[in-house]
Protein backbone atom coordinates (compact mmCIF):
# COMPACT_ATOMS: atom_id res chain seq x y z
CA UNK A 1 -21.19 88.82 -36.99
CA UNK A 2 -19.80 85.81 -35.24
CA UNK A 3 -16.62 84.56 -35.72
CA UNK A 4 -14.01 81.75 -34.43
CA UNK A 5 -10.79 82.38 -34.34
CA UNK A 6 -8.84 78.76 -34.43
CA UNK A 7 -5.06 77.86 -33.41
CA UNK A 8 -4.21 74.75 -34.66
CA UNK A 9 -2.69 71.90 -32.10
CA UNK A 10 0.98 72.12 -32.39
CA UNK A 11 3.42 68.90 -32.79
CA UNK A 12 5.69 67.91 -30.01
CA UNK A 13 8.89 69.65 -31.70
CA UNK A 14 11.66 71.35 -30.34
CA UNK A 15 9.92 74.67 -29.74
CA UNK A 16 7.37 73.31 -28.49
CA UNK A 17 8.36 73.00 -25.05
CA UNK A 18 5.70 69.66 -24.50
CA UNK A 19 7.51 68.02 -22.03
CA UNK A 20 7.92 70.82 -19.69
CA UNK A 21 4.51 72.29 -19.57
CA UNK A 22 3.40 69.71 -17.07
CA UNK A 23 7.01 71.55 -15.25
CA UNK A 24 5.39 75.11 -14.91
CA UNK A 25 1.26 73.98 -15.16
CA UNK A 26 0.66 75.31 -18.50
CA UNK A 27 -0.84 73.94 -21.57
CA UNK A 28 1.28 75.93 -24.03
CA UNK A 29 4.38 78.49 -24.71
CA UNK A 30 2.70 80.89 -25.94
CA UNK A 31 -0.73 82.46 -27.41
CA UNK A 32 -1.72 82.84 -31.38
CA UNK A 33 0.19 86.66 -31.55
CA UNK A 34 -1.12 86.80 -35.08
CA UNK A 35 -4.07 85.49 -34.30
CA UNK A 36 -4.66 88.31 -31.79
CA UNK A 37 -3.81 91.18 -33.45
CA UNK A 38 -5.99 90.17 -36.29
CA UNK A 39 -8.85 90.65 -33.91
CA UNK A 40 -8.21 93.89 -33.54
CA UNK A 41 -8.17 94.71 -36.64
CA UNK A 42 -11.84 93.42 -36.51
CA UNK A 43 -15.15 95.61 -35.76
CA UNK A 44 -15.21 96.57 -32.41
CA UNK A 45 -18.85 95.07 -32.56
CA UNK A 46 -18.61 91.78 -33.77
CA UNK A 47 -18.82 89.07 -30.91
CA UNK A 48 -14.71 87.46 -30.98
CA UNK A 49 -14.22 83.62 -29.81
CA UNK A 50 -10.59 82.35 -29.71
CA UNK A 51 -9.81 78.85 -29.85
CA UNK A 52 -6.19 77.46 -28.37
CA UNK A 53 -5.93 73.65 -30.00
CA UNK A 54 -2.98 74.08 -27.25
CA UNK A 55 -4.50 75.35 -24.53
CA UNK A 56 -7.90 74.25 -25.36
CA UNK A 57 -10.50 71.72 -26.89
CA UNK A 58 -12.65 72.89 -29.69
CA UNK A 59 -16.14 71.23 -29.68
CA UNK A 60 -18.29 71.40 -32.43
CA UNK A 61 -20.99 73.54 -31.09
CA UNK A 62 -19.23 76.43 -30.78
CA UNK A 63 -18.14 76.03 -34.66
CA UNK A 64 -22.74 75.89 -35.26
CA UNK A 65 -22.71 79.42 -33.21
CA UNK A 66 -20.57 81.24 -35.91
CA UNK A 67 -20.62 82.75 -39.22
CA UNK A 68 -17.32 82.40 -40.67
CA UNK A 69 -14.18 80.90 -38.99
CA UNK A 70 -10.46 82.29 -39.53
CA UNK A 71 -7.56 79.63 -39.55
CA UNK A 72 -4.15 80.55 -38.85
CA UNK A 73 -1.21 78.44 -38.30
CA UNK A 74 3.05 77.58 -39.76
CA UNK A 75 4.10 74.56 -41.66
CA UNK A 76 4.52 72.89 -39.61
CA UNK A 77 0.71 72.85 -38.29
CA UNK A 78 -0.24 70.96 -41.41
CA UNK A 79 -1.35 68.14 -40.59
CA UNK A 80 -3.98 69.55 -37.60
CA UNK A 81 -5.02 72.76 -40.52
CA UNK A 82 -6.59 70.10 -42.14
CA UNK A 83 -8.07 68.45 -39.65
CA UNK A 84 -10.02 71.35 -38.18
CA UNK A 85 -10.96 71.84 -41.94
CA UNK A 86 -12.48 69.42 -42.64
CA UNK A 87 -14.85 69.43 -39.69
CA UNK A 88 -15.54 73.06 -40.57
CA UNK A 89 -15.78 71.39 -44.18
CA UNK A 90 -19.27 68.83 -43.19
CA UNK A 91 -20.86 71.58 -40.44
CA UNK A 92 -21.21 74.00 -43.66
CA UNK A 93 -18.72 76.38 -41.72
CA UNK A 94 -17.02 79.09 -44.21
CA UNK A 95 -13.32 78.81 -42.98
CA UNK A 96 -10.91 82.28 -44.23
CA UNK A 97 -7.58 81.09 -44.27
CA UNK A 98 -4.31 83.25 -42.89
CA UNK A 99 -0.53 83.17 -42.19
CA UNK A 100 3.03 81.78 -42.92
CA UNK A 101 0.94 78.03 -43.64
CA UNK A 102 -1.15 80.02 -46.47
CA UNK A 103 0.88 82.48 -47.70
CA UNK A 104 3.32 80.59 -49.19
CA UNK A 105 1.36 77.51 -49.55
CA UNK A 106 -2.22 77.97 -49.65
CA UNK A 107 -2.37 75.52 -52.76
CA UNK A 108 -1.94 72.98 -50.92
CA UNK A 109 -5.71 73.32 -49.23
CA UNK A 110 -7.90 72.72 -51.89
CA UNK A 111 -10.55 71.89 -49.04
CA UNK A 112 -9.77 75.62 -47.89
CA UNK A 113 -12.00 77.94 -50.19
CA UNK A 114 -10.92 81.87 -48.55
CA UNK A 115 -7.25 83.12 -48.03
CA UNK A 116 -5.45 85.84 -46.69
CA UNK A 117 -2.20 86.04 -47.87
CA UNK A 118 0.25 88.06 -47.22
CA UNK A 119 0.17 90.37 -43.62
CA UNK A 120 -3.58 91.89 -43.48
CA UNK A 121 -3.14 95.32 -42.45
CA UNK A 122 -3.86 96.35 -45.71
CA UNK A 123 -6.37 94.34 -46.81
CA UNK A 124 -8.66 93.59 -43.85
CA UNK A 125 -11.17 96.85 -44.19
CA UNK A 126 -11.82 94.88 -48.00
CA UNK A 127 -12.37 91.26 -45.98
CA UNK A 128 -14.62 92.76 -43.49
CA UNK A 129 -16.34 94.33 -45.93
CA UNK A 130 -17.09 91.03 -48.10
CA UNK A 131 -17.76 89.34 -44.86
CA UNK A 132 -20.41 92.13 -43.50
CA UNK A 133 -22.24 91.77 -47.20
CA UNK A 134 -21.68 88.18 -47.44
CA UNK A 135 -19.03 87.72 -50.48
CA UNK A 136 -16.27 86.19 -49.57
CA UNK A 137 -13.73 86.34 -52.27
CA UNK A 138 -10.94 83.36 -53.07
CA UNK A 139 -8.02 85.26 -52.07
CA UNK A 140 -7.03 89.09 -50.62
CA UNK A 141 -3.35 89.18 -51.25
CA UNK A 142 -0.69 92.05 -50.16
CA UNK A 143 0.33 94.06 -52.15
CA UNK A 144 3.85 95.31 -51.22
CA UNK A 145 4.25 96.04 -47.09
CA UNK A 146 2.10 97.35 -44.96
CA UNK A 147 2.73 100.28 -41.91
CA UNK A 148 3.23 98.24 -39.04
CA UNK A 149 2.90 101.40 -36.70
CA UNK A 150 -0.68 100.82 -38.00
CA UNK A 151 -1.10 97.60 -36.35
CA UNK A 152 -3.60 97.76 -32.96
CA UNK A 153 -3.03 95.80 -30.17
CA UNK A 154 -3.51 92.57 -29.68
CA UNK A 155 -6.89 91.29 -28.25
CA UNK A 156 -5.22 89.98 -24.87
CA UNK A 157 -9.04 89.65 -23.67
CA UNK A 158 -9.98 86.45 -25.86
CA UNK A 159 -6.75 84.19 -24.01
CA UNK A 160 -6.69 82.99 -20.84
CA UNK A 161 -2.89 84.70 -19.60
CA UNK A 162 -2.33 82.01 -17.41
CA UNK A 163 -2.38 78.94 -20.14
CA UNK A 164 0.84 79.77 -21.78
CA UNK A 165 5.01 80.26 -20.08
CA UNK A 166 5.43 83.69 -22.03
CA UNK A 167 3.68 86.05 -23.72
CA UNK A 168 4.97 87.57 -27.44
CA UNK A 169 4.92 90.97 -28.81
CA UNK A 170 6.60 92.72 -32.24
CA UNK A 171 8.47 95.50 -32.36
CA UNK A 172 9.60 94.69 -36.23
CA UNK A 173 9.14 92.80 -39.41
CA UNK A 174 11.80 91.56 -42.00
CA UNK A 175 15.50 91.41 -42.54
CA UNK A 176 18.15 92.81 -44.28
CA UNK A 177 20.34 90.35 -44.81
CA UNK A 178 19.35 87.37 -47.31
CA UNK A 179 20.06 83.15 -45.87
CA UNK A 180 18.85 80.94 -49.05
CA UNK A 181 16.63 78.54 -46.76
CA UNK A 182 14.79 81.48 -45.56
CA UNK A 183 11.42 82.24 -46.44
CA UNK A 184 10.77 85.32 -44.04
CA UNK A 185 12.68 88.05 -47.00
CA UNK A 186 9.86 86.16 -48.45
CA UNK A 187 7.47 86.81 -46.24
CA UNK A 188 8.41 90.20 -44.15
CA UNK A 189 10.79 91.28 -47.01
CA UNK A 190 14.64 93.11 -46.47
CA UNK A 191 13.97 96.48 -45.29
CA UNK A 192 12.75 96.26 -41.76
CA UNK A 193 9.66 98.15 -40.29
CA UNK A 194 9.32 99.18 -36.21
CA UNK A 195 6.59 100.20 -34.37
CA UNK A 196 6.68 103.59 -32.57
CA UNK A 197 8.29 103.17 -29.36
CA UNK A 198 5.56 104.51 -27.48
CA UNK A 199 3.46 101.60 -29.62
CA UNK A 200 5.41 98.90 -28.27
CA UNK A 201 5.30 100.45 -24.68
CA UNK A 202 1.02 100.74 -25.20
CA UNK A 203 1.04 96.56 -25.87
CA UNK A 204 3.81 95.68 -22.51
CA UNK A 205 1.40 98.17 -21.19
CA UNK A 206 -1.97 96.29 -21.93
CA UNK A 207 -0.11 92.98 -20.78
CA UNK A 208 0.85 94.84 -17.07
CA UNK A 209 -2.49 95.48 -16.56
CA UNK A 210 -4.12 92.75 -17.56
CA UNK A 211 -1.53 90.98 -14.90
CA UNK A 212 0.78 89.65 -16.99
CA UNK A 213 4.84 89.61 -14.55
CA UNK A 214 6.84 87.41 -16.25
CA UNK A 215 8.21 86.22 -20.05
CA UNK A 216 7.92 88.28 -23.02
CA UNK A 217 8.71 87.19 -26.30
CA UNK A 218 10.09 90.30 -29.00
CA UNK A 219 9.10 87.78 -32.32
CA UNK A 220 10.67 89.96 -34.59
CA UNK A 221 12.50 88.76 -37.38
CA UNK A 222 16.10 90.59 -36.89
CA UNK A 223 15.30 92.77 -33.45
CA UNK A 224 18.63 94.53 -34.61
CA UNK A 225 17.68 94.78 -38.18
CA UNK A 226 17.53 98.92 -38.04
CA UNK A 227 19.62 99.39 -34.77
CA UNK A 228 18.92 103.08 -35.05
CA UNK A 229 15.21 102.45 -34.08
CA UNK A 230 15.77 99.64 -31.72
CA UNK A 231 18.24 101.94 -29.64
CA UNK A 232 14.73 104.22 -29.43
CA UNK A 233 12.69 101.81 -28.35
CA UNK A 234 15.28 100.24 -26.27
CA UNK A 235 15.26 103.29 -24.10
CA UNK A 236 11.73 103.80 -23.77
CA UNK A 237 11.64 100.64 -22.59
CA UNK A 238 14.18 101.28 -19.77
CA UNK A 239 12.11 104.25 -18.98
CA UNK A 240 8.55 101.83 -19.57
CA UNK A 241 10.37 100.12 -17.11
CA UNK A 242 11.36 102.40 -13.99
CA UNK A 243 7.87 104.12 -13.61
CA UNK A 244 5.96 101.14 -14.72
CA UNK A 245 8.35 98.69 -12.22
CA UNK A 246 7.73 95.88 -14.09
CA UNK A 247 9.25 93.11 -13.16
CA UNK A 248 8.93 91.06 -17.17
CA UNK A 249 11.57 89.66 -18.92
CA UNK A 250 12.76 89.72 -22.57
CA UNK A 251 14.04 87.47 -24.86
CA UNK A 252 14.67 87.04 -28.89
CA UNK A 253 15.58 86.77 -32.68
CA UNK A 254 19.01 89.03 -33.39
CA UNK A 255 21.79 88.64 -36.29
CA UNK A 256 24.74 87.74 -35.24
CA UNK A 257 26.53 91.15 -35.27
CA UNK A 258 24.91 92.01 -32.19
CA UNK A 259 27.99 91.45 -30.77
CA UNK A 260 29.84 94.39 -32.58
CA UNK A 261 27.51 96.70 -30.80
CA UNK A 262 28.56 97.04 -27.16
CA UNK A 263 25.63 99.54 -26.70
CA UNK A 264 23.17 97.92 -27.70
CA UNK A 265 23.85 94.99 -25.46
CA UNK A 266 23.78 97.37 -22.62
CA UNK A 267 20.72 98.75 -23.54
CA UNK A 268 19.22 95.43 -23.94
CA UNK A 269 20.42 94.60 -20.26
CA UNK A 270 19.73 97.04 -18.60
CA UNK A 271 16.09 97.12 -20.64
CA UNK A 272 16.12 93.31 -18.76
CA UNK A 273 16.80 90.99 -22.26
CA UNK A 274 17.81 87.87 -20.55
CA UNK A 275 17.83 85.87 -24.28
CA UNK A 276 18.51 85.81 -27.43
CA UNK A 277 18.73 83.45 -30.37
CA UNK A 278 20.64 83.58 -33.32
CA UNK A 279 21.37 82.29 -36.52
CA UNK A 280 24.78 80.69 -35.86
CA UNK A 281 23.93 77.47 -38.15
CA UNK A 282 27.86 76.37 -39.07
CA UNK A 283 31.26 76.67 -38.09
CA UNK A 284 32.14 76.12 -41.77
CA UNK A 285 32.61 78.94 -43.78
CA UNK A 286 31.88 77.42 -46.64
CA UNK A 287 29.06 76.40 -45.47
CA UNK A 288 28.33 79.98 -44.83
CA UNK A 289 29.20 81.13 -48.24
CA UNK A 290 27.20 78.64 -49.53
CA UNK A 291 23.74 79.64 -47.95
CA UNK A 292 25.06 83.52 -48.94
CA UNK A 293 25.30 83.94 -44.84
CA UNK A 294 28.39 87.12 -45.34
CA UNK A 295 26.95 88.00 -42.07
CA UNK A 296 28.38 85.35 -40.65
CA UNK A 297 31.79 83.98 -42.26
CA UNK A 298 33.53 87.07 -41.68
CA UNK A 299 33.90 86.65 -38.28
CA UNK A 300 35.05 84.57 -36.00
CA UNK A 301 31.45 83.04 -34.53
CA UNK A 302 32.71 81.53 -30.97
CA UNK A 303 33.82 84.75 -29.50
CA UNK A 304 30.74 86.69 -30.79
CA UNK A 305 28.68 84.62 -28.52
CA UNK A 306 30.95 84.63 -26.10
CA UNK A 307 31.13 88.31 -26.03
CA UNK A 308 27.34 88.52 -25.04
CA UNK A 309 27.35 85.86 -23.08
CA UNK A 310 29.85 87.85 -20.72
CA UNK A 311 27.31 90.89 -21.90
CA UNK A 312 24.46 88.93 -19.47
CA UNK A 313 22.77 87.49 -22.35
CA UNK A 314 21.90 83.48 -23.16
CA UNK A 315 23.06 82.13 -26.48
CA UNK A 316 20.06 80.50 -27.99
CA UNK A 317 22.20 78.97 -31.29
CA UNK A 318 20.41 77.93 -34.62
CA UNK A 319 22.90 75.76 -36.48
CA UNK A 320 21.99 73.25 -39.42
CA UNK A 321 23.69 70.28 -41.32
CA UNK A 322 23.22 68.94 -44.69
CA UNK A 323 24.44 71.92 -46.79
CA UNK A 324 26.22 70.97 -50.18
CA UNK A 325 29.54 72.06 -49.14
CA UNK A 326 29.94 69.98 -45.79
CA UNK A 327 32.40 67.95 -45.02
CA UNK A 328 31.69 64.05 -43.21
CA UNK A 329 32.82 65.13 -39.87
CA UNK A 330 30.53 68.38 -40.06
CA UNK A 331 28.72 66.23 -37.02
CA UNK A 332 31.67 66.30 -34.78
CA UNK A 333 32.55 69.82 -35.68
CA UNK A 334 29.32 71.30 -35.00
CA UNK A 335 29.39 69.33 -31.78
CA UNK A 336 32.74 70.48 -30.43
CA UNK A 337 31.56 74.52 -31.46
CA UNK A 338 28.92 73.77 -28.98
CA UNK A 339 29.99 72.61 -26.88
CA UNK A 340 33.43 75.12 -26.46
CA UNK A 341 30.79 77.93 -26.45
CA UNK A 342 28.51 76.73 -24.02
CA UNK A 343 25.59 77.34 -26.58
CA UNK A 344 23.07 75.42 -23.88
CA UNK A 345 19.71 75.69 -26.39
CA UNK A 346 22.08 74.60 -29.29
CA UNK A 347 18.90 74.04 -32.42
CA UNK A 348 20.00 72.02 -34.17
CA UNK A 349 18.10 70.99 -37.88
CA UNK A 350 19.01 69.76 -41.32
CA UNK A 351 18.90 71.78 -44.00
CA UNK A 352 14.96 72.09 -44.77
CA UNK A 353 14.39 74.14 -49.06
CA UNK A 354 11.12 76.11 -47.84
CA UNK A 355 8.45 76.65 -50.20
CA UNK A 356 9.39 79.89 -52.29
CA UNK A 357 12.90 80.76 -51.08
CA UNK A 358 15.46 80.97 -53.50
CA UNK A 359 17.45 77.51 -51.72
CA UNK A 360 13.79 76.09 -53.08
CA UNK A 361 13.82 77.48 -56.33
CA UNK A 362 17.82 76.49 -57.26
CA UNK A 363 16.99 72.47 -55.90
CA UNK A 364 13.90 72.83 -58.45
CA UNK A 365 16.15 73.58 -61.30
CA UNK A 366 18.34 71.27 -60.64
CA UNK A 367 15.43 69.03 -59.95
CA UNK A 368 16.57 67.46 -56.53
CA UNK A 369 13.67 68.96 -55.15
CA UNK A 370 12.08 65.72 -53.08
CA UNK A 371 8.83 66.64 -51.30
CA UNK A 372 7.43 69.17 -49.50
CA UNK A 373 9.22 70.26 -45.93
CA UNK A 374 6.61 69.25 -43.25
CA UNK A 375 7.73 72.61 -41.51
CA UNK A 376 10.15 70.97 -38.52
CA UNK A 377 13.81 70.36 -39.17
CA UNK A 378 14.58 68.38 -36.54
CA UNK A 379 12.41 65.65 -38.03
CA UNK A 380 15.24 63.83 -39.27
CA UNK A 381 13.85 63.93 -42.84
CA UNK A 382 15.65 65.41 -45.85
CA UNK A 383 13.26 66.90 -48.65
CA UNK A 384 15.87 67.31 -51.24
CA UNK A 385 18.27 65.09 -52.85
CA UNK A 386 22.01 66.02 -51.17
CA UNK A 387 25.59 65.30 -51.59
CA UNK A 388 26.92 63.42 -48.86
CA UNK A 389 24.80 60.13 -48.40
CA UNK A 390 21.49 60.77 -47.36
CA UNK A 391 21.44 57.78 -44.73
CA UNK A 392 24.79 59.13 -43.32
CA UNK A 393 23.33 62.63 -42.38
CA UNK A 394 20.34 61.15 -40.83
CA UNK A 395 22.17 58.72 -38.72
CA UNK A 396 24.44 61.18 -38.03
CA UNK A 397 22.71 64.17 -37.59
CA UNK A 398 19.88 61.60 -34.89
CA UNK A 399 23.23 60.34 -32.72
CA UNK A 400 24.39 64.06 -33.29
CA UNK A 401 21.34 65.42 -30.87
CA UNK A 402 21.49 62.79 -28.77
CA UNK A 403 25.42 63.72 -27.69
CA UNK A 404 24.30 67.20 -26.55
CA UNK A 405 21.67 66.08 -24.91
CA UNK A 406 23.01 63.48 -22.62
CA UNK A 407 23.08 64.33 -19.71
CA UNK A 408 27.25 64.99 -18.91
CA UNK A 409 27.49 67.02 -22.16
CA UNK A 410 24.43 69.06 -21.35
CA UNK A 411 24.79 70.23 -18.06
CA UNK A 412 28.81 70.03 -18.64
CA UNK A 413 27.73 72.89 -21.32
CA UNK A 414 25.93 74.73 -17.92
CA UNK A 415 28.61 74.40 -16.55
CA UNK A 416 30.66 76.43 -19.82
CA UNK A 417 27.70 78.81 -20.54
CA UNK A 418 27.88 80.22 -16.65
CA UNK A 419 31.01 80.30 -16.36
CA UNK A 420 31.15 82.95 -19.14
CA UNK A 421 27.62 84.65 -18.24
CA UNK A 422 28.27 88.31 -16.32
CA UNK A 423 24.78 88.64 -14.22
CA UNK A 424 23.94 92.23 -14.78
CA UNK A 425 20.30 93.41 -15.74
CA UNK A 426 17.00 93.85 -13.55
CA UNK A 427 16.83 90.49 -11.21
CA UNK A 428 13.77 88.03 -12.97
CA UNK A 429 11.22 87.42 -9.92
CA UNK A 430 10.57 84.16 -9.10
CA UNK A 431 7.08 83.33 -9.83
CA UNK A 432 5.07 80.18 -7.73
CA UNK A 433 5.03 78.39 -10.88
CA UNK A 434 9.11 78.67 -11.41
CA UNK A 435 9.28 77.49 -7.55
CA UNK A 436 6.92 74.92 -8.63
CA UNK A 437 8.70 74.01 -11.38
CA UNK A 438 12.50 73.15 -9.73
CA UNK A 439 10.45 71.31 -6.85
CA UNK A 440 9.42 68.63 -9.90
CA UNK A 441 13.29 69.16 -10.80
CA UNK A 442 13.84 67.68 -7.53
CA UNK A 443 12.22 64.62 -8.20
CA UNK A 444 12.20 63.74 -11.80
CA UNK A 445 15.77 65.28 -12.92
CA UNK A 446 17.54 64.34 -9.46
CA UNK A 447 15.79 60.93 -8.35
CA UNK A 448 13.87 59.86 -11.46
CA UNK A 449 15.09 59.57 -14.53
CA UNK A 450 18.85 58.61 -15.73
CA UNK A 451 21.33 61.54 -15.61
CA UNK A 452 20.46 62.54 -11.98
CA UNK A 453 24.29 62.32 -11.04
CA UNK A 454 25.52 64.73 -14.05
CA UNK A 455 22.36 66.82 -12.78
CA UNK A 456 23.40 66.57 -8.76
CA UNK A 457 26.88 67.36 -10.21
CA UNK A 458 26.30 71.05 -11.61
CA UNK A 459 23.49 71.60 -8.84
CA UNK A 460 25.92 71.85 -6.17
CA UNK A 461 28.25 73.43 -8.76
CA UNK A 462 26.30 76.19 -9.26
CA UNK A 463 24.79 76.42 -5.73
CA UNK A 464 28.86 76.66 -4.25
CA UNK A 465 30.34 78.84 -7.19
CA UNK A 466 27.85 80.23 -8.65
CA UNK A 467 24.86 81.23 -6.23
CA UNK A 468 23.45 84.53 -8.57
CA UNK A 469 23.61 81.86 -11.32
CA UNK A 470 21.58 79.38 -9.71
CA UNK A 471 17.84 80.47 -11.22
CA UNK A 472 19.24 80.06 -14.80
CA UNK A 473 20.94 76.70 -14.18
CA UNK A 474 18.00 75.18 -12.78
CA UNK A 475 15.75 76.66 -15.24
CA UNK A 476 18.00 75.23 -18.55
CA UNK A 477 18.54 71.59 -16.38
CA UNK A 478 14.45 71.39 -17.10
CA UNK A 479 14.39 72.20 -20.24
CA UNK A 480 17.09 69.71 -21.09
CA UNK A 481 14.73 67.65 -20.90
CA UNK A 482 12.42 68.60 -22.80
CA UNK A 483 15.12 68.84 -25.42
CA UNK A 484 16.55 65.73 -24.11
CA UNK A 485 13.46 63.56 -24.98
CA UNK A 486 13.31 65.47 -28.30
CA UNK A 487 16.65 63.82 -29.63
CA UNK A 488 15.93 60.98 -28.00
CA UNK A 489 12.53 60.28 -30.02
CA UNK A 490 14.44 61.15 -33.50
């Protein structure tokens, strides 16, 4: 059986990092972990090929030679998925589609006849049997939540690792919190399910043996959803780093209450974690209560951010504007909070009603839904009727993003962060691509682009007063180039 696995092309978004890929001579930020994992569930005798449209082109000959096409994607990939499906239809190829995009919105793809809805572990056996006898069903729907301890090591051999900036692994699925706007619990449930620590170590060892030495994104919905299991995994990870002499660094996503657990922070830093993404959302307590984010509403969010920075972790933050309770000055308040706390990577998006979420259902009952989401919450589009004037929100949002990523504000935020950050944990190696990116930044950011005066001010300040943090400062400077391009294009 010949199978072609296809991952759609990423649009230009905040998280695509399109405008920094040339700095490091890479083609994409991350490979498609979902498809690589599904590939490992298929029979070893099958002939598999994976094409990530962000790293290589899809040719008609690739399609002609296969029996089935397995297609995955997220909401943001809608347009690319329609294009791929049309090409497959033209050549008479059967498409089987799965992943977040289809789990919550398969009805939007009438041109695709077969779907895997939900997590694949417990249904892939039936799918394989049906593929082998040529009788694929219209839909395979997961019932309940599979045991992720049975999930195999991804098929890293199907990609060229040198095309990517970061490798993804997964430790857990699910989140114990109930945020109105979030679709995680729809797809992965409330009760976090974790892999065994030894299982995660096997995945990392497979990456190391394959030659990977750089950053790894632990793509959990909430890394500390089950703190007991997280502590066990971190202990195993620390031990593995010691005997394997690994140079990998890690980043992940967690809830703000990570700041309440000093021991967890210490273990993460010792294990090599450098960054953590937090859903901070808003400094407005009424906004937090409105969306059910009670884990954020009962604390000093600025103090939580700075606690994590002092522990040695860079905090990347998610922020939202557009809540019903937002006052007109919410944009100024968001800007002040982000600047004051030194959240350098601040992904500010407009509230979006994602399919099947509590927010989506509430707005539908209220007759306020306007359209389906495009999946890109920095798209300056709102898919529901707002309480504040719609045009006011869009205008102020665009201004907020441009202001946040204007060079003088952005480099000032880097300084604020570096003043708080405690440099701890294993030292990350500087790769050849890192050095090349640094040299390119000297010309592009230091000579060619506007903002060069702010760049050199931050450059010399860091080099002279915070030399151990110079590599972090240069990485953030380069990332700022991408964020600025996204903000200015709004």
